[in-house]
Amino acid sequence: MAKTLVFCIIGALILSLTYVPMMASLFLKRTISTSPTLADRFFDKLNVVYKKALNFSLRHVWFTVLSSFAALAVSLVLFTRLGAEFIPTLDEGDFAMQMTLPAGSSLTRSIELSNEVERILLERFPEVKHVVAKIGTAEVPTDPMAVEDADIMIIMKPFKEWTSAKTRAEMVGKMKDALEPLEEQAEFNFSQPIQLRFNELMTGAKADIAIKLYGEDMDELYRKAKEAAVYVEQVPGAADVLVEQAMGLPQLVVSYDRAKIARYGMNIEELNTIIRTAYAGRSGGYYI
């Protein structure tokens, strides 16, 4: 979002140096009027007030200095109690929700759950126009995702037509409450389409704030991540605190009984081919 604002400022600067002067030369009057304008009369009265205030300050120097320092002290106290934000969140109009299923979930299960989410949102919220889910990686693999991850785009009607909520935060809260029965089966993280992509491009995570842990022991990293999530959830204003799935993928371990295999006249290579075909598939042939 910060880059978007920077591009807007650069575009405004270019227009102010090229397009605006040219249009001003065409449409503004070329004759110069010497009569006082409304702005001139306003500043003349403002100068009178300013001169009176300046004369008072020069006659009461110590009072002016002490008053200035007192105002500075009050402003510092107020500054420590104010929140801070680099750039306010821009309202994109629509929602983007990431749905994460347990590791190893099948594509069929992801489709079923995304359809259930779509049904709930469309039935309970008349403000929702369309719900579109993208599961896994697209044909152009610029955004690699597993089949247990889905990006769900929620297209909303204009804000003036909303009836279920008065603010975006309230709408997100009500959508989370509506999807609460499904939280045992998946995790949901709400954001905005452009904001979601920019966060992922800049930090690799789709959340506004991400904590990254580095190490070699995956079990230890996962335990520490869960421990950190407990502390983050206690921070006022923290919402949708999720630990990225880095482990827990189910594995199938096959142990062969070679004596029984020999009775059926089979070999290990043939069995490996059958199992690999059943779970991962294989090419059956080529045609032109």
C-alpha atoms as a PDB file:
ATOM      1  CA  MET A   1       0.000   0.000   0.000  1.00  0.00           C
ATOM      2  CA  ALA A   2       2.931   2.327   0.666  1.00  0.00           C
ATOM      3  CA  LYS A   3       4.205   1.793  -2.883  1.00  0.00           C
ATOM      4  CA  THR A   4       0.758   2.572  -4.280  1.00  0.00           C
ATOM      5  CA  LEU A   5       0.733   5.910  -2.452  1.00  0.00           C
ATOM      6  CA  VAL A   6       4.273   6.697  -3.625  1.00  0.00           C
ATOM      7  CA  PHE A   7       3.268   6.046  -7.257  1.00  0.00           C
ATOM      8  CA  CYS A   8       0.295   8.391  -6.832  1.00  0.00           C
ATOM      9  CA  ILE A   9       2.544  11.159  -5.488  1.00  0.00           C
ATOM     10  CA  ILE A  10       5.038  10.716  -8.347  1.00  0.00           C
ATOM     11  CA  GLY A  11       2.219  10.858 -10.893  1.00  0.00           C
ATOM     12  CA  ALA A  12       0.838  14.039  -9.306  1.00  0.00           C
ATOM     13  CA  LEU A  13       4.311  15.612  -9.412  1.00  0.00           C
ATOM     14  CA  ILE A  14       4.722  14.840 -13.118  1.00  0.00           C
ATOM     15  CA  LEU A  15       1.274  16.263 -13.914  1.00  0.00           C
ATOM     16  CA  SER A  16       1.961  19.414 -11.898  1.00  0.00           C
ATOM     17  CA  LEU A  17       5.118  20.074 -13.923  1.00  0.00           C
ATOM     18  CA  THR A  18       3.681  19.300 -17.378  1.00  0.00           C
ATOM     19  CA  TYR A  19      -0.095  19.127 -17.768  1.00  0.00           C
ATOM     20  CA  VAL A  20      -1.187  21.684 -15.155  1.00  0.00           C
ATOM     21  CA  PRO A  21       0.959  24.630 -16.435  1.00  0.00           C
ATOM     22  CA  MET A  22      -0.175  23.990 -20.007  1.00  0.00           C
ATOM     23  CA  MET A  23      -3.870  23.946 -19.055  1.00  0.00           C
ATOM     24  CA  ALA A  24      -3.399  27.011 -16.847  1.00  0.00           C
ATOM     25  CA  SER A  25      -1.955  28.965 -19.775  1.00  0.00           C
ATOM     26  CA  LEU A  26      -5.018  28.107 -21.869  1.00  0.00           C
ATOM     27  CA  PHE A  27      -7.846  28.726 -19.419  1.00  0.00           C
ATOM     28  CA  LEU A  28      -6.596  31.326 -16.900  1.00  0.00           C
ATOM     29  CA  LYS A  29      -7.032  35.006 -17.643  1.00  0.00           C
ATOM     30  CA  ARG A  30      -4.003  36.791 -19.048  1.00  0.00           C
ATOM     31  CA  THR A  31      -4.973  40.229 -17.746  1.00  0.00           C
ATOM     32  CA  ILE A  32      -3.556  41.200 -14.360  1.00  0.00           C
ATOM     33  CA  SER A  33      -5.920  42.944 -11.942  1.00  0.00           C
ATOM     34  CA  THR A  34      -4.450  45.346  -9.342  1.00  0.00           C
ATOM     35  CA  SER A  35      -7.609  45.716  -7.243  1.00  0.00           C
ATOM     36  CA  PRO A  36      -7.492  44.014  -3.809  1.00  0.00           C
ATOM     37  CA  THR A  37      -9.057  40.603  -3.736  1.00  0.00           C
ATOM     38  CA  LEU A  38     -10.825  38.736  -0.943  1.00  0.00           C
ATOM     39  CA  ALA A  39      -7.577  37.016  -0.033  1.00  0.00           C
ATOM     40  CA  ASP A  40      -5.768  40.363   0.203  1.00  0.00           C
ATOM     41  CA  ARG A  41      -8.402  41.777   2.577  1.00  0.00           C
ATOM     42  CA  PHE A  42      -8.292  38.624   4.701  1.00  0.00           C
ATOM     43  CA  PHE A  43      -4.513  38.721   5.106  1.00  0.00           C
ATOM     44  CA  ASP A  44      -4.574  42.467   5.841  1.00  0.00           C
ATOM     45  CA  LYS A  45      -6.862  41.827   8.818  1.00  0.00           C
ATOM     46  CA  LEU A  46      -4.728  38.828   9.824  1.00  0.00           C
ATOM     47  CA  ASN A  47      -1.606  41.011   9.791  1.00  0.00           C
ATOM     48  CA  VAL A  48      -3.265  43.453  12.195  1.00  0.00           C
ATOM     49  CA  VAL A  49      -3.946  40.647  14.663  1.00  0.00           C
ATOM     50  CA  TYR A  50      -0.429  39.305  14.171  1.00  0.00           C
ATOM     51  CA  LYS A  51       1.178  42.701  14.892  1.00  0.00           C
ATOM     52  CA  LYS A  52      -0.812  43.029  18.129  1.00  0.00           C
ATOM     53  CA  ALA A  53       0.228  39.542  19.241  1.00  0.00           C
ATOM     54  CA  LEU A  54       3.859  40.254  18.324  1.00  0.00           C
ATOM     55  CA  ASN A  55       3.916  43.525  20.292  1.00  0.00           C
ATOM     56  CA  PHE A  56       2.389  41.761  23.322  1.00  0.00           C
ATOM     57  CA  SER A  57       5.015  38.995  23.134  1.00  0.00           C
ATOM     58  CA  LEU A  58       7.885  41.477  22.929  1.00  0.00           C
ATOM     59  CA  ARG A  59       6.591  43.369  25.975  1.00  0.00           C
ATOM     60  CA  HIS A  60       6.136  40.160  28.022  1.00  0.00           C
ATOM     61  CA  VAL A  61       9.167  38.077  27.022  1.00  0.00           C
ATOM     62  CA  TRP A  62       9.281  35.719  30.030  1.00  0.00           C
ATOM     63  CA  PHE A  63       5.561  35.016  29.895  1.00  0.00           C
ATOM     64  CA  THR A  64       5.842  34.150  26.205  1.00  0.00           C
ATOM     65  CA  VAL A  65       8.834  31.837  26.744  1.00  0.00           C
ATOM     66  CA  LEU A  66       7.255  30.014  29.688  1.00  0.00           C
ATOM     67  CA  SER A  67       3.970  29.623  27.827  1.00  0.00           C
ATOM     68  CA  SER A  68       5.798  28.137  24.837  1.00  0.00           C
ATOM     69  CA  PHE A  69       7.642  25.585  26.979  1.00  0.00           C
ATOM     70  CA  ALA A  70       4.414  24.687  28.797  1.00  0.00           C
ATOM     71  CA  ALA A  71       2.654  24.098  25.472  1.00  0.00           C
ATOM     72  CA  LEU A  72       5.614  21.980  24.330  1.00  0.00           C
ATOM     73  CA  ALA A  73       5.451  19.864  27.497  1.00  0.00           C
ATOM     74  CA  VAL A  74       1.704  19.297  27.071  1.00  0.00           C
ATOM     75  CA  SER A  75       2.191  18.311  23.419  1.00  0.00           C
ATOM     76  CA  LEU A  76       4.908  15.785  24.387  1.00  0.00           C
ATOM     77  CA  VAL A  77       2.576  14.208  26.947  1.00  0.00           C
ATOM     78  CA  LEU A  78      -0.192  13.958  24.359  1.00  0.00           C
ATOM     79  CA  PHE A  79       2.250  12.548  21.776  1.00  0.00           C
ATOM     80  CA  THR A  80       3.156   9.623  24.034  1.00  0.00           C
ATOM     81  CA  ARG A  81      -0.536   8.685  24.315  1.00  0.00           C
ATOM     82  CA  LEU A  82      -1.290   8.773  20.595  1.00  0.00           C
ATOM     83  CA  GLY A  83      -1.189   5.757  18.328  1.00  0.00           C
ATOM     84  CA  ALA A  84       1.103   5.642  15.325  1.00  0.00           C
ATOM     85  CA  GLU A  85       0.577   4.375  11.793  1.00  0.00           C
ATOM     86  CA  PHE A  86       2.914   4.778   8.827  1.00  0.00           C
ATOM     87  CA  ILE A  87       0.181   4.875   6.178  1.00  0.00           C
ATOM     88  CA  PRO A  88      -3.523   4.372   6.881  1.00  0.00           C
ATOM     89  CA  THR A  89      -5.172   1.334   5.344  1.00  0.00           C
ATOM     90  CA  LEU A  90      -6.805   2.189   2.033  1.00  0.00           C
ATOM     91  CA  ASP A  91     -10.352   0.926   1.501  1.00  0.00           C
ATOM     92  CA  GLU A  92     -10.357  -1.307  -1.597  1.00  0.00           C
ATOM     93  CA  GLY A  93     -14.079  -2.063  -1.392  1.00  0.00           C
ATOM     94  CA  ASP A  94     -13.767  -5.870  -1.471  1.00  0.00           C
ATOM     95  CA  PHE A  95     -12.430  -8.525   0.888  1.00  0.00           C
ATOM     96  CA  ALA A  96      -9.804 -11.209   0.395  1.00  0.00           C
ATOM     97  CA  MET A  97      -9.895 -14.202   2.713  1.00  0.00           C
ATOM     98  CA  GLN A  98      -7.280 -16.930   2.935  1.00  0.00           C
ATOM     99  CA  MET A  99      -8.566 -20.366   3.936  1.00  0.00           C
ATOM    100  CA  THR A 100      -5.998 -22.857   5.254  1.00  0.00           C
ATOM    101  CA  LEU A 101      -6.880 -26.496   5.810  1.00  0.00           C
ATOM    102  CA  PRO A 102      -4.797 -29.000   7.805  1.00  0.00           C
ATOM    103  CA  ALA A 103      -1.661 -30.170   6.011  1.00  0.00           C
ATOM    104  CA  GLY A 104      -2.275 -33.082   3.674  1.00  0.00           C
ATOM    105  CA  SER A 105      -5.934 -32.282   2.985  1.00  0.00           C
ATOM    106  CA  SER A 106      -7.166 -33.422  -0.399  1.00  0.00           C
ATOM    107  CA  LEU A 107      -8.289 -31.219  -3.270  1.00  0.00           C
ATOM    108  CA  THR A 108     -11.793 -32.664  -2.957  1.00  0.00           C
ATOM    109  CA  ARG A 109     -11.987 -31.553   0.673  1.00  0.00           C
ATOM    110  CA  SER A 110     -10.741 -28.062  -0.208  1.00  0.00           C
ATOM    111  CA  ILE A 111     -13.429 -27.722  -2.885  1.00  0.00           C
ATOM    112  CA  GLU A 112     -16.166 -28.917  -0.529  1.00  0.00           C
ATOM    113  CA  LEU A 113     -15.157 -26.499   2.217  1.00  0.00           C
ATOM    114  CA  SER A 114     -14.774 -23.528  -0.158  1.00  0.00           C
ATOM    115  CA  ASN A 115     -18.285 -24.219  -1.512  1.00  0.00           C
ATOM    116  CA  GLU A 116     -19.625 -24.293   2.048  1.00  0.00           C
ATOM    117  CA  VAL A 117     -17.936 -20.958   2.810  1.00  0.00           C
ATOM    118  CA  GLU A 118     -19.418 -19.468  -0.359  1.00  0.00           C
ATOM    119  CA  ARG A 119     -22.900 -20.694   0.577  1.00  0.00           C
ATOM    120  CA  ILE A 120     -22.703 -19.237   4.096  1.00  0.00           C
ATOM    121  CA  LEU A 121     -21.494 -15.815   2.969  1.00  0.00           C
ATOM    122  CA  LEU A 122     -24.054 -15.484   0.172  1.00  0.00           C
ATOM    123  CA  GLU A 123     -26.966 -16.591   2.351  1.00  0.00           C
ATOM    124  CA  ARG A 124     -26.210 -14.495   5.439  1.00  0.00           C
ATOM    125  CA  PHE A 125     -24.864 -11.299   3.908  1.00  0.00           C
ATOM    126  CA  PRO A 126     -26.919  -9.540   1.199  1.00  0.00           C
ATOM    127  CA  GLU A 127     -24.000  -7.145   0.685  1.00  0.00           C
ATOM    128  CA  VAL A 128     -21.941  -9.923  -0.958  1.00  0.00           C
ATOM    129  CA  LYS A 129     -22.230 -10.034  -4.766  1.00  0.00           C
ATOM    130  CA  HIS A 130     -19.832 -12.860  -5.629  1.00  0.00           C
ATOM    131  CA  VAL A 131     -17.492 -15.256  -3.832  1.00  0.00           C
ATOM    132  CA  VAL A 132     -14.645 -16.723  -5.911  1.00  0.00           C
ATOM    133  CA  ALA A 133     -12.127 -19.239  -4.547  1.00  0.00           C
ATOM    134  CA  LYS A 134      -8.706 -20.057  -6.039  1.00  0.00           C
ATOM    135  CA  ILE A 135      -7.299 -23.300  -4.687  1.00  0.00           C
ATOM    136  CA  GLY A 136      -3.635 -24.237  -5.016  1.00  0.00           C
ATOM    137  CA  THR A 137      -1.212 -22.901  -7.607  1.00  0.00           C
ATOM    138  CA  ALA A 138      -2.410 -21.281 -10.826  1.00  0.00           C
ATOM    139  CA  GLU A 139      -1.207 -22.281 -14.299  1.00  0.00           C
ATOM    140  CA  VAL A 140       1.439 -19.559 -14.108  1.00  0.00           C
ATOM    141  CA  PRO A 141       3.270 -20.606 -10.906  1.00  0.00           C
ATOM    142  CA  THR A 142       4.164 -17.123  -9.653  1.00  0.00           C
ATOM    143  CA  ASP A 143       2.297 -17.768  -6.402  1.00  0.00           C
ATOM    144  CA  PRO A 144       3.050 -21.343  -5.256  1.00  0.00           C
ATOM    145  CA  MET A 145       0.347 -22.689  -2.946  1.00  0.00           C
ATOM    146  CA  ALA A 146      -0.640 -26.143  -1.765  1.00  0.00           C
ATOM    147  CA  VAL A 147      -4.081 -27.648  -2.372  1.00  0.00           C
ATOM    148  CA  GLU A 148      -4.941 -27.050   1.288  1.00  0.00           C
ATOM    149  CA  ASP A 149      -4.603 -23.272   0.746  1.00  0.00           C
ATOM    150  CA  ALA A 150      -7.291 -21.205  -0.952  1.00  0.00           C
ATOM    151  CA  ASP A 151      -7.576 -17.495  -1.718  1.00  0.00           C
ATOM    152  CA  ILE A 152     -11.257 -16.507  -1.526  1.00  0.00           C
ATOM    153  CA  MET A 153     -12.205 -13.168  -3.093  1.00  0.00           C
ATOM    154  CA  ILE A 154     -15.391 -11.635  -1.671  1.00  0.00           C
ATOM    155  CA  ILE A 155     -16.853  -9.050  -4.052  1.00  0.00           C
ATOM    156  CA  MET A 156     -18.992  -6.562  -2.129  1.00  0.00           C
ATOM    157  CA  LYS A 157     -21.765  -4.191  -3.160  1.00  0.00           C
ATOM    158  CA  PRO A 158     -21.254  -0.396  -2.714  1.00  0.00           C
ATOM    159  CA  PHE A 159     -20.894   0.642   0.917  1.00  0.00           C
ATOM    160  CA  LYS A 160     -24.120   2.693   0.868  1.00  0.00           C
ATOM    161  CA  GLU A 161     -26.086  -0.526   0.220  1.00  0.00           C
ATOM    162  CA  TRP A 162     -24.745  -2.313   3.310  1.00  0.00           C
ATOM    163  CA  THR A 163     -27.363  -3.311   5.879  1.00  0.00           C
ATOM    164  CA  SER A 164     -25.627  -5.955   8.020  1.00  0.00           C
ATOM    165  CA  ALA A 165     -22.850  -3.664   9.295  1.00  0.00           C
ATOM    166  CA  LYS A 166     -21.912   0.005   9.388  1.00  0.00           C
ATOM    167  CA  THR A 167     -18.122  -0.374   9.128  1.00  0.00           C
ATOM    168  CA  ARG A 168     -15.688  -2.729   7.447  1.00  0.00           C
ATOM    169  CA  ALA A 169     -14.357  -3.939  10.798  1.00  0.00           C
ATOM    170  CA  GLU A 170     -17.863  -4.786  11.946  1.00  0.00           C
ATOM    171  CA  MET A 171     -18.528  -6.655   8.687  1.00  0.00           C
ATOM    172  CA  VAL A 172     -15.337  -8.706   9.097  1.00  0.00           C
ATOM    173  CA  GLY A 173     -16.319  -9.550  12.670  1.00  0.00           C
ATOM    174  CA  LYS A 174     -19.759 -10.764  11.595  1.00  0.00           C
ATOM    175  CA  MET A 175     -18.265 -12.850   8.782  1.00  0.00           C
ATOM    176  CA  LYS A 176     -15.910 -14.482  11.266  1.00  0.00           C
ATOM    177  CA  ASP A 177     -18.854 -15.278  13.535  1.00  0.00           C
ATOM    178  CA  ALA A 178     -20.735 -16.812  10.586  1.00  0.00           C
ATOM    179  CA  LEU A 179     -17.740 -19.012   9.713  1.00  0.00           C
ATOM    180  CA  GLU A 180     -17.056 -20.000  13.323  1.00  0.00           C
ATOM    181  CA  PRO A 181     -18.616 -23.515  12.900  1.00  0.00           C
ATOM    182  CA  LEU A 182     -15.960 -24.226  10.259  1.00  0.00           C
ATOM    183  CA  GLU A 183     -12.960 -23.064  12.312  1.00  0.00           C
ATOM    184  CA  GLU A 184     -12.296 -26.610  13.519  1.00  0.00           C
ATOM    185  CA  GLN A 185     -11.784 -27.646   9.899  1.00  0.00           C
ATOM    186  CA  ALA A 186      -9.882 -24.612   8.556  1.00  0.00           C
ATOM    187  CA  GLU A 187      -8.337 -21.280   9.509  1.00  0.00           C
ATOM    188  CA  PHE A 188      -9.542 -17.992   8.002  1.00  0.00           C
ATOM    189  CA  ASN A 189      -7.561 -14.775   7.590  1.00  0.00           C
ATOM    190  CA  PHE A 190      -9.283 -11.629   6.267  1.00  0.00           C
ATOM    191  CA  SER A 191      -7.539  -8.905   4.265  1.00  0.00           C
ATOM    192  CA  GLN A 192      -7.981  -6.967   0.992  1.00  0.00           C
ATOM    193  CA  PRO A 193      -6.994  -8.135  -2.521  1.00  0.00           C
ATOM    194  CA  ILE A 194      -4.238  -5.611  -3.278  1.00  0.00           C
ATOM    195  CA  GLN A 195      -3.077  -5.395   0.322  1.00  0.00           C
ATOM    196  CA  LEU A 196      -2.831  -9.195   0.473  1.00  0.00           C
ATOM    197  CA  ARG A 197      -0.597  -9.344  -2.608  1.00  0.00           C
ATOM    198  CA  PHE A 198       1.645  -6.466  -1.545  1.00  0.00           C
ATOM    199  CA  ASN A 199       2.178  -8.014   1.894  1.00  0.00           C
ATOM    200  CA  GLU A 200       3.114 -11.319   0.281  1.00  0.00           C
ATOM    201  CA  LEU A 201       5.512  -9.697  -2.201  1.00  0.00           C
ATOM    202  CA  MET A 202       7.303  -7.609   0.436  1.00  0.00           C
ATOM    203  CA  THR A 203       7.516 -10.051   3.361  1.00  0.00           C
ATOM    204  CA  GLY A 204       6.527 -13.457   2.001  1.00  0.00           C
ATOM    205  CA  ALA A 205       3.548 -13.527   4.384  1.00  0.00           C
ATOM    206  CA  LYS A 206      -0.002 -12.437   3.623  1.00  0.00           C
ATOM    207  CA  ALA A 207      -0.546 -10.845   7.043  1.00  0.00           C
ATOM    208  CA  ASP A 208       0.090  -7.195   7.929  1.00  0.00           C
ATOM    209  CA  ILE A 209       2.614  -8.185  10.609  1.00  0.00           C
ATOM    210  CA  ALA A 210       4.707 -11.361  10.401  1.00  0.00           C
ATOM    211  CA  ILE A 211       7.144 -12.938  12.864  1.00  0.00           C
ATOM    212  CA  LYS A 212       9.768 -15.208  11.307  1.00  0.00           C
ATOM    213  CA  LEU A 213      11.750 -17.785  13.269  1.00  0.00           C
ATOM    214  CA  TYR A 214      14.929 -19.364  11.887  1.00  0.00           C
ATOM    215  CA  GLY A 215      16.568 -22.637  12.848  1.00  0.00           C
ATOM    216  CA  GLU A 216      17.265 -26.208  11.789  1.00  0.00           C
ATOM    217  CA  ASP A 217      14.943 -28.170  14.083  1.00  0.00           C
ATOM    218  CA  MET A 218      11.415 -27.990  12.625  1.00  0.00           C
ATOM    219  CA  ASP A 219       9.799 -29.416  15.756  1.00  0.00           C
ATOM    220  CA  GLU A 220      11.458 -26.792  17.945  1.00  0.00           C
ATOM    221  CA  LEU A 221      10.552 -23.990  15.531  1.00  0.00           C
ATOM    222  CA  TYR A 222       6.920 -25.060  15.533  1.00  0.00           C
ATOM    223  CA  ARG A 223       6.797 -25.172  19.355  1.00  0.00           C
ATOM    224  CA  LYS A 224       8.346 -21.717  19.615  1.00  0.00           C
ATOM    225  CA  ALA A 225       5.951 -20.356  16.984  1.00  0.00           C
ATOM    226  CA  LYS A 226       2.955 -21.661  18.944  1.00  0.00           C
ATOM    227  CA  GLU A 227       4.423 -20.135  22.108  1.00  0.00           C
ATOM    228  CA  ALA A 228       4.923 -16.768  20.385  1.00  0.00           C
ATOM    229  CA  ALA A 229       1.335 -16.853  19.093  1.00  0.00           C
ATOM    230  CA  VAL A 230       0.039 -17.131  22.677  1.00  0.00           C
ATOM    231  CA  TYR A 231       1.828 -13.892  23.631  1.00  0.00           C
ATOM    232  CA  VAL A 232       0.816 -12.071  20.430  1.00  0.00           C
ATOM    233  CA  GLU A 233      -2.859 -12.906  21.012  1.00  0.00           C
ATOM    234  CA  GLN A 234      -2.678 -10.988  24.302  1.00  0.00           C
ATOM    235  CA  VAL A 235      -1.661  -7.741  22.528  1.00  0.00           C
ATOM    236  CA  PRO A 236      -4.620  -5.321  22.248  1.00  0.00           C
ATOM    237  CA  GLY A 237      -5.737  -5.032  18.632  1.00  0.00           C
ATOM    238  CA  ALA A 238      -4.197  -8.308  17.464  1.00  0.00           C
ATOM    239  CA  ALA A 239      -6.563 -10.394  15.344  1.00  0.00           C
ATOM    240  CA  ASP A 240      -6.290 -13.514  13.165  1.00  0.00           C
ATOM    241  CA  VAL A 241      -3.089 -14.719  14.824  1.00  0.00           C
ATOM    242  CA  LEU A 242      -2.131 -17.798  12.816  1.00  0.00           C
ATOM    243  CA  VAL A 243       0.920 -20.066  12.841  1.00  0.00           C
ATOM    244  CA  GLU A 244       1.958 -21.092   9.343  1.00  0.00           C
ATOM    245  CA  GLN A 245       1.903 -24.830   8.742  1.00  0.00           C
ATOM    246  CA  ALA A 246       5.490 -26.014   8.456  1.00  0.00           C
ATOM    247  CA  MET A 247       4.986 -29.596   9.603  1.00  0.00           C
ATOM    248  CA  GLY A 248       2.294 -32.185  10.165  1.00  0.00           C
ATOM    249  CA  LEU A 249       2.068 -33.546   6.606  1.00  0.00           C
ATOM    250  CA  PRO A 250       0.883 -37.162   6.835  1.00  0.00           C
ATOM    251  CA  GLN A 251       3.161 -39.755   5.283  1.00  0.00           C
ATOM    252  CA  LEU A 252       2.534 -43.312   4.141  1.00  0.00           C
ATOM    253  CA  VAL A 253       5.279 -45.767   5.080  1.00  0.00           C
ATOM    254  CA  VAL A 254       5.094 -49.145   3.354  1.00  0.00           C
ATOM    255  CA  SER A 255       6.989 -52.149   4.746  1.00  0.00           C
ATOM    256  CA  TYR A 256       7.189 -55.106   2.378  1.00  0.00           C
ATOM    257  CA  ASP A 257       6.998 -58.740   3.440  1.00  0.00           C
ATOM    258  CA  ARG A 258       9.343 -60.154   0.836  1.00  0.00           C
ATOM    259  CA  ALA A 259       8.468 -63.769   1.625  1.00  0.00           C
ATOM    260  CA  LYS A 260       4.763 -63.246   0.894  1.00  0.00           C
ATOM    261  CA  ILE A 261       5.553 -61.140  -2.182  1.00  0.00           C
ATOM    262  CA  ALA A 262       7.629 -63.969  -3.601  1.00  0.00           C
ATOM    263  CA  ARG A 263       4.706 -66.389  -3.232  1.00  0.00           C
ATOM    264  CA  TYR A 264       2.651 -64.265  -5.654  1.00  0.00           C
ATOM    265  CA  GLY A 265       5.501 -63.949  -8.122  1.00  0.00           C
ATOM    266  CA  MET A 266       5.823 -60.165  -7.697  1.00  0.00           C
ATOM    267  CA  ASN A 267       8.832 -57.913  -7.111  1.00  0.00           C
ATOM    268  CA  ILE A 268       9.487 -54.665  -5.202  1.00  0.00           C
ATOM    269  CA  GLU A 269       9.780 -52.515  -8.340  1.00  0.00           C
ATOM    270  CA  GLU A 270       6.361 -53.588  -9.560  1.00  0.00           C
ATOM    271  CA  LEU A 271       4.740 -52.855  -6.205  1.00  0.00           C
ATOM    272  CA  ASN A 272       6.427 -49.443  -5.999  1.00  0.00           C
ATOM    273  CA  THR A 273       5.034 -48.616  -9.439  1.00  0.00           C
ATOM    274  CA  ILE A 274       1.515 -49.599  -8.387  1.00  0.00           C
ATOM    275  CA  ILE A 275       1.642 -47.517  -5.189  1.00  0.00           C
ATOM    276  CA  ARG A 276       3.197 -44.505  -6.920  1.00  0.00           C
ATOM    277  CA  THR A 277       0.524 -44.645  -9.633  1.00  0.00           C
ATOM    278  CA  ALA A 278      -2.273 -44.845  -7.050  1.00  0.00           C
ATOM    279  CA  TYR A 279      -1.128 -41.805  -5.077  1.00  0.00           C
ATOM    280  CA  ALA A 280       0.751 -39.591  -7.558  1.00  0.00           C
ATOM    281  CA  GLY A 281      -0.338 -40.888 -10.971  1.00  0.00           C
ATOM    282  CA  ARG A 282       1.798 -41.618 -14.004  1.00  0.00           C
ATOM    283  CA  SER A 283       1.757 -41.013 -17.737  1.00  0.00           C
ATOM    284  CA  GLY A 284      -0.244 -43.568 -19.678  1.00  0.00           C
ATOM    285  CA  GLY A 285       1.161 -42.572 -23.067  1.00  0.00           C
ATOM    286  CA  TYR A 286       1.672 -39.685 -25.461  1.00  0.00           C
ATOM    287  CA  TYR A 287      -0.198 -38.577 -28.536  1.00  0.00           C
ATOM    288  CA  ILE A 288       0.222 -35.798 -31.075  1.00  0.00           C
END
